[in-house]
Structures are given as structure tokens and as C-alpha cells.
Amino acid sequence: MDERGLHRLIGTIIAPERLEDDCAIIPCGDLLMVASTDMLHETTDFPAGMTDWQIGWMAVAVTLSDIASTGAAPGQVLLAVGLDRPERIAGIMVGARDCCTAFGAELVGGDLDSHRELTLVSTGLGLVAPEHLVRRRGARPGDIIAVTGPLGEAEAALIGYDHHRKELLEPQPRIREGQALGRAGVSAMMDISDGLAVSLYDLLAVNDCGFSVDTARLPLPAGVPESEGRELALYGGGDFELLFTAPPVLLPVPGVTAHVIGEVIPDPVVLADGRPLECRGYLHEWGG
């Protein structure tokens, strides 16, 4: 069973609509608070060769990327560290703080204990006006499908294209772009950290419509052969771009680079070049 199967089980215990988005959405006066938490383990989430500073940066970046996908401005971040060796903590915390500073957040605390495997849990909070909140639900037939940048770069680095190491090890959450898209009124949005194909199926699960992409329009990782780059763009994980839908007249959005890759269609399917797209990407899985 994979994590999305377990999400369906959790949806029988708590309200399933709480599981539809990258963040929990909580009323906060005249605004909405968005909250996200992410757990990262050294053996499954931190590629070999990462510095402790990069590990701290990545732990914060994954959470800020979730906040970006709602159109919110980031506020506070908490970082819990299950620490295997005490000498690592300084580098991890400096990296986490630097990522917060770079994207307008503040590292305000967390937790620390001893753990056999280095494990980080980051929790981020953000604020957004109700009229600028963007959720995964909201796509409409006739909308365009777009992404904010090249896809497949992180996966390219994992398989040996070293000129993409920075994209893999120091991901850049699209905070500014997320806020601009939210203010512009895009209809649905999420981040693509698990891969484009899986993300399109995540949108399919909460919308009453389908998604058709043209693979010739995908922004591919530079310096990778086209056929290989297209495979990485569809199925590679670790990218921190935003995937969104919007009425065609909404583009261009000032300050946002947007690559239109397809359109929202009435039939509830995910297509690539007119054929069903395999649901494949980065998923946590359990045997049995």
C-alpha cells in the first residue's frame, strides 16, 4: 500500500476534505492560517553527499513549498530534529534558518531528541486572505494547465547529471510566485514535489474534471537528451515548482514564469498526448 491509500483510510477517521490540500486551512481572524508539516529521513530523503546545512535547508524548503501552493505568505517554522550525532545540529539549524530568512519566514523553535537515523520534522505556518487562497479543488474545463519552471531537474541530478545538483540539494520554494498566482485568481494549485504525473492524479481525485497534457510543451531539464528529459519531467520527484490551472485570459501573471502544458477537460481522466498517463512518481510504500 502507498501513502495515498493510507490517506483514504485516514479520511474515514477525520473529515476527508481535510486531506485534500497541501496544507490544513484554519480560520484566523479576518485571514486564514495555513499549516503544513513534513517528515524527512536520512536514508530515504537526503541524497548522499548532502551537507548538514543543505539538510536543514531542504527540511524547511519542503514545508514552505506547501505554503506557497496555497498562495499564502509564510510566517513561522518549527523544526523537530531526531539527531543521530550531536555535532550535526549546528549545520542543520543554520541551514534551516537561512532557508527561512531567504523566503520571509522565521525559525521560532521545535524539538530535539536522540534518534538512530537522522529524522527532521518541519512545521510551517502562513497567512492568506480568504479571497486569495488557492486549493487543489477548483479546476474547470477550459482552464489551462501550467507549471512555474523546468521539471525533472532533481531526478536528473540523482541519475548523474551533476549540473542539476543545486536544484536537488538546495530546492527553491516558489513563495513569490504562489502569492502572485493567488492574487491573480488561479483556479487550483499544488506543488510538484512528488512528480507531475502523480500530482495530476492528486488533482483528479478532488476535481470533477480531467487533465490533458501535451508532452511536447513540458519544460525539460537542460542538458538532458529530450526523450530522457521528458520521462524525468513526467515522473521525477523532488521538483519544487507549482502546478496550477487558470482561465486562459489570466495569463500572463506579472512576475511569474508560466509554461502552459495542457488543458482541463470534462472527462475525469489524466491524459498525455491523448493517451492515459501512468500514475507513477515518488510515493512512500509499505509491503503486505
Protein backbone atom coordinates (compact mmCIF):
# COMPACT_ATOMS: atom_id res chain seq x y z
CA MET A 1 0.00 0.00 0.00
CA ASP A 2 1.24 3.52 -0.75
CA GLU A 3 0.73 6.72 1.21
CA ARG A 4 -2.28 7.82 -0.84
CA GLY A 5 -4.03 4.57 0.03
CA LEU A 6 -3.40 5.30 3.69
CA HIS A 7 -4.76 8.82 3.21
CA ARG A 8 -8.06 7.27 2.16
CA LEU A 9 -8.07 5.24 5.38
CA ILE A 10 -7.33 8.34 7.43
CA GLY A 11 -10.24 10.01 5.63
CA THR A 12 -12.57 7.56 7.36
CA ILE A 13 -11.34 8.82 10.74
CA ILE A 14 -11.12 12.58 10.21
CA ALA A 15 -13.03 14.74 7.73
CA PRO A 16 -11.76 13.69 4.28
CA GLU A 17 -11.84 17.25 2.96
CA ARG A 18 -9.07 17.99 5.47
CA LEU A 19 -6.79 15.76 3.39
CA GLU A 20 -7.42 17.38 0.02
CA ASP A 21 -4.75 20.09 0.17
CA ASP A 22 -1.06 20.55 0.81
CA CYS A 23 -1.89 22.48 3.99
CA ALA A 24 -4.50 22.48 6.71
CA ILE A 25 -6.63 25.63 6.49
CA ILE A 26 -7.63 27.27 9.77
CA PRO A 27 -9.68 30.48 10.34
CA CYS A 28 -7.55 33.20 11.93
CA GLY A 29 -9.46 36.45 12.42
CA ASP A 30 -10.06 38.07 9.03
CA LEU A 31 -7.39 35.85 7.46
CA LEU A 32 -6.80 32.15 7.02
CA MET A 33 -3.88 30.32 8.57
CA VAL A 34 -2.34 27.52 6.52
CA ALA A 35 -0.27 24.86 8.28
CA SER A 36 1.88 22.10 6.88
CA THR A 37 4.20 19.50 8.39
CA ASP A 38 6.74 17.24 6.67
CA MET A 39 8.90 14.37 7.95
CA LEU A 40 12.25 13.60 6.29
CA HIS A 41 14.56 10.65 6.96
CA GLU A 42 18.21 10.47 6.03
CA THR A 43 18.11 7.13 4.20
CA THR A 44 15.05 7.94 2.07
CA ASP A 45 15.02 11.72 1.67
CA PHE A 46 18.56 13.08 1.84
CA PRO A 47 20.75 12.14 -1.15
CA ALA A 48 24.30 11.02 -0.46
CA GLY A 49 26.75 13.87 -0.20
CA MET A 50 24.39 16.43 1.32
CA THR A 51 25.92 18.73 3.89
CA ASP A 52 24.16 19.29 7.21
CA TRP A 53 23.44 22.85 6.07
CA GLN A 54 21.69 21.52 2.95
CA ILE A 55 19.71 19.05 5.05
CA GLY A 56 18.42 21.87 7.23
CA TRP A 57 17.62 23.96 4.17
CA MET A 58 15.70 21.14 2.49
CA ALA A 59 13.67 20.33 5.60
CA VAL A 60 12.33 23.88 5.64
CA ALA A 61 12.00 24.21 1.86
CA VAL A 62 9.61 21.27 1.55
CA THR A 63 7.23 22.85 4.04
CA LEU A 64 7.49 26.35 2.55
CA SER A 65 6.68 24.84 -0.84
CA ASP A 66 3.39 23.53 0.55
CA ILE A 67 2.61 27.00 1.90
CA ALA A 68 3.45 28.53 -1.49
CA SER A 69 0.92 26.24 -3.17
CA THR A 70 -1.94 27.88 -1.27
CA GLY A 71 -0.99 31.43 -2.20
CA ALA A 72 -0.10 32.24 1.41
CA ALA A 73 2.75 34.29 2.86
CA PRO A 74 4.97 32.18 5.14
CA GLY A 75 5.27 33.12 8.79
CA GLN A 76 6.77 30.77 11.36
CA VAL A 77 8.58 27.44 11.09
CA LEU A 78 9.19 24.84 13.82
CA LEU A 79 11.83 22.16 13.33
CA ALA A 80 11.97 18.92 15.31
CA VAL A 81 15.25 17.01 14.96
CA GLY A 82 15.76 13.37 15.81
CA LEU A 83 19.54 13.64 15.97
CA ASP A 84 21.96 10.79 15.41
CA ARG A 85 25.17 12.74 16.21
CA PRO A 86 25.26 15.95 18.27
CA GLU A 87 27.93 17.62 16.14
CA ARG A 88 25.47 17.86 13.25
CA ILE A 89 22.94 20.14 14.91
CA ALA A 90 24.68 23.48 14.25
CA GLY A 91 24.88 22.96 10.49
CA ILE A 92 21.29 21.72 10.30
CA MET A 93 19.90 24.66 12.25
CA VAL A 94 21.88 27.25 10.29
CA GLY A 95 20.61 25.77 7.03
CA ALA A 96 17.05 25.80 8.30
CA ARG A 97 17.37 29.39 9.50
CA ASP A 98 18.91 30.51 6.21
CA CYS A 99 16.07 28.98 4.20
CA CYS A 100 13.52 30.72 6.42
CA THR A 101 15.30 34.04 6.02
CA ALA A 102 15.55 33.68 2.24
CA PHE A 103 11.80 33.26 1.86
CA GLY A 104 10.41 35.58 4.51
CA ALA A 105 9.76 33.10 7.31
CA GLU A 106 11.13 32.86 10.86
CA LEU A 107 12.50 29.79 12.60
CA VAL A 108 10.91 30.01 16.04
CA GLY A 109 11.62 26.70 17.82
CA GLY A 110 10.94 22.99 17.67
CA ASP A 111 12.12 19.87 19.47
CA LEU A 112 15.29 17.80 19.80
CA ASP A 113 15.90 14.21 20.80
CA SER A 114 18.22 11.30 20.12
CA HIS A 115 17.42 9.08 17.16
CA ARG A 116 19.21 6.21 15.45
CA GLU A 117 18.51 7.68 11.99
CA LEU A 118 18.62 11.43 11.41
CA THR A 119 14.97 12.49 11.11
CA LEU A 120 13.63 16.03 10.69
CA VAL A 121 10.04 17.18 11.04
CA SER A 122 9.32 20.73 9.88
CA THR A 123 6.05 22.53 10.56
CA GLY A 124 5.24 25.79 8.82
CA LEU A 125 2.52 28.39 9.27
CA GLY A 126 1.37 31.02 6.81
CA LEU A 127 -1.41 33.56 6.36
CA VAL A 128 -3.58 34.39 3.37
CA ALA A 129 -6.67 36.48 2.71
CA PRO A 130 -9.68 34.22 2.02
CA GLU A 131 -10.14 35.67 -1.47
CA HIS A 132 -6.54 34.78 -2.40
CA LEU A 133 -6.48 31.22 -1.02
CA VAL A 134 -5.91 28.58 -3.69
CA ARG A 135 -6.79 24.94 -3.15
CA ARG A 136 -6.36 21.79 -5.21
CA ARG A 137 -10.10 21.78 -5.84
CA GLY A 138 -11.38 24.39 -8.27
CA ALA A 139 -10.17 23.42 -11.74
CA ARG A 140 -12.74 23.87 -14.51
CA PRO A 141 -12.96 22.50 -18.07
CA GLY A 142 -11.38 25.00 -20.43
CA ASP A 143 -8.75 26.11 -17.92
CA ILE A 144 -5.14 25.88 -18.99
CA ILE A 145 -2.68 23.70 -17.04
CA ALA A 146 0.66 25.35 -16.32
CA VAL A 147 3.84 24.97 -14.28
CA THR A 148 6.24 27.60 -12.98
CA GLY A 149 9.51 26.11 -14.20
CA PRO A 150 11.50 23.17 -15.57
CA LEU A 151 10.58 19.69 -14.39
CA GLY A 152 12.81 16.68 -13.80
CA GLU A 153 15.92 18.55 -12.69
CA ALA A 154 16.17 16.96 -9.24
CA GLU A 155 15.73 13.46 -10.65
CA ALA A 156 18.28 14.26 -13.36
CA ALA A 157 20.82 15.03 -10.66
CA LEU A 158 20.09 11.73 -8.93
CA ILE A 159 20.96 9.79 -12.08
CA GLY A 160 24.21 11.60 -12.76
CA TYR A 161 23.52 14.95 -14.40
CA ASP A 162 25.62 16.82 -11.88
CA HIS A 163 24.89 20.29 -13.28
CA HIS A 164 21.47 19.93 -11.61
CA ARG A 165 22.87 19.13 -8.14
CA LYS A 166 21.89 22.54 -6.78
CA GLU A 167 18.25 22.03 -7.78
CA LEU A 168 18.29 18.67 -6.00
CA LEU A 169 20.12 19.68 -2.82
CA GLU A 170 19.00 23.30 -2.35
CA PRO A 171 15.41 23.46 -3.68
CA GLN A 172 13.77 26.86 -4.03
CA PRO A 173 10.11 27.01 -2.93
CA ARG A 174 8.08 29.30 -5.19
CA ILE A 175 6.78 31.57 -2.46
CA ARG A 176 6.66 34.77 -4.51
CA GLU A 177 5.07 33.02 -7.47
CA GLY A 178 2.46 31.31 -5.28
CA GLN A 179 1.32 34.61 -3.79
CA ALA A 180 1.18 36.28 -7.21
CA LEU A 181 -0.88 33.42 -8.65
CA GLY A 182 -3.22 33.50 -5.66
CA ARG A 183 -3.78 37.23 -6.04
CA ALA A 184 -4.37 36.78 -9.78
CA GLY A 185 -7.13 34.22 -9.13
CA VAL A 186 -5.87 30.89 -10.46
CA SER A 187 -8.47 28.15 -10.03
CA ALA A 188 -6.40 25.31 -8.48
CA MET A 189 -2.79 24.82 -7.43
CA MET A 190 -0.36 22.41 -5.73
CA ASP A 191 3.37 21.84 -5.65
CA ILE A 192 5.02 19.09 -7.71
CA SER A 193 7.47 17.59 -5.21
CA ASP A 194 6.25 14.03 -5.92
CA GLY A 195 6.32 14.38 -9.72
CA LEU A 196 4.00 15.78 -12.37
CA ALA A 197 2.07 12.58 -13.16
CA VAL A 198 1.24 11.80 -9.52
CA SER A 199 0.32 15.45 -8.96
CA LEU A 200 -2.13 15.43 -11.85
CA TYR A 201 -3.78 12.36 -10.34
CA ASP A 202 -3.94 14.19 -6.99
CA LEU A 203 -5.84 16.98 -8.74
CA LEU A 204 -8.07 14.41 -10.43
CA ALA A 205 -9.02 12.97 -7.03
CA VAL A 206 -10.57 16.23 -5.82
CA ASN A 207 -11.94 17.80 -9.03
CA ASP A 208 -14.93 16.87 -11.19
CA CYS A 209 -12.95 17.11 -14.41
CA GLY A 210 -9.83 15.74 -16.08
CA PHE A 211 -6.39 16.86 -17.19
CA SER A 212 -4.76 16.55 -20.59
CA VAL A 213 -1.10 17.47 -21.12
CA ASP A 214 0.96 17.81 -24.27
CA THR A 215 4.40 16.37 -23.55
CA ALA A 216 5.97 18.47 -26.31
CA ARG A 217 5.19 21.53 -24.18
CA LEU A 218 6.83 20.29 -20.98
CA PRO A 219 9.76 22.45 -19.80
CA LEU A 220 12.55 19.86 -19.70
CA PRO A 221 15.75 19.72 -17.65
CA ALA A 222 18.61 21.40 -19.51
CA GLY A 223 21.46 19.26 -20.76
CA VAL A 224 19.46 16.00 -20.79
CA PRO A 225 18.51 14.17 -24.02
CA GLU A 226 14.94 15.06 -24.98
CA SER A 227 13.37 11.61 -24.62
CA GLU A 228 15.02 11.02 -21.26
CA GLY A 229 14.21 14.55 -20.12
CA ARG A 230 10.53 14.06 -20.95
CA GLU A 231 10.42 10.89 -18.81
CA LEU A 232 12.07 12.74 -15.94
CA ALA A 233 9.68 15.69 -16.31
CA LEU A 234 6.64 13.41 -16.10
CA TYR A 235 7.70 11.09 -13.30
CA GLY A 236 10.69 12.55 -11.44
CA GLY A 237 10.24 13.71 -7.85
CA GLY A 238 11.99 16.45 -5.93
CA ASP A 239 10.95 19.43 -8.04
CA PHE A 240 9.51 22.39 -6.14
CA GLU A 241 7.65 24.05 -8.98
CA LEU A 242 3.95 24.88 -8.78
CA LEU A 243 1.30 23.18 -10.89
CA PHE A 244 -1.80 25.31 -11.45
CA THR A 245 -4.92 25.72 -13.53
CA ALA A 246 -6.42 29.02 -14.62
CA PRO A 247 -8.71 30.59 -17.20
CA PRO A 248 -6.57 31.28 -20.31
CA VAL A 249 -7.23 35.03 -20.11
CA LEU A 250 -5.48 35.16 -16.72
CA LEU A 251 -2.02 34.70 -18.22
CA PRO A 252 0.48 36.23 -18.19
CA VAL A 253 0.68 36.93 -14.46
CA PRO A 254 3.25 39.68 -13.78
CA GLY A 255 6.40 38.32 -12.17
CA VAL A 256 5.55 34.66 -12.81
CA THR A 257 7.16 32.46 -15.43
CA ALA A 258 4.43 30.07 -16.57
CA HIS A 259 4.77 27.20 -19.01
CA VAL A 260 1.36 26.10 -20.36
CA ILE A 261 1.44 22.31 -20.71
CA GLY A 262 -2.18 21.37 -21.36
CA GLU A 263 -5.82 21.98 -20.58
CA VAL A 264 -8.54 20.89 -18.19
CA ILE A 265 -11.08 18.62 -19.90
CA PRO A 266 -14.62 17.48 -18.95
CA ASP A 267 -13.85 13.74 -18.74
CA PRO A 268 -12.35 12.66 -15.37
CA VAL A 269 -9.11 11.18 -16.74
CA VAL A 270 -5.43 12.13 -16.93
CA LEU A 271 -4.06 12.08 -20.46
CA ALA A 272 -0.65 12.70 -22.04
CA ASP A 273 -0.69 13.23 -25.80
CA GLY A 274 -4.23 11.87 -25.87
CA ARG A 275 -3.45 8.60 -24.07
CA PRO A 276 -3.92 7.65 -20.40
CA LEU A 277 -0.93 8.76 -18.33
CA GLU A 278 0.56 6.23 -15.95
CA CYS A 279 0.19 7.23 -12.29
CA ARG A 280 3.83 6.98 -11.30
CA GLY A 281 6.17 9.12 -9.23
CA TYR A 282 7.58 9.46 -5.73
CA LEU A 283 5.44 7.55 -3.24
CA HIS A 284 6.13 6.10 0.21
CA GLU A 285 5.12 2.43 0.10
CA TRP A 286 4.60 -0.39 2.55
CA GLY A 287 4.71 -4.11 1.79
CA GLY A 288 1.93 -6.52 2.64
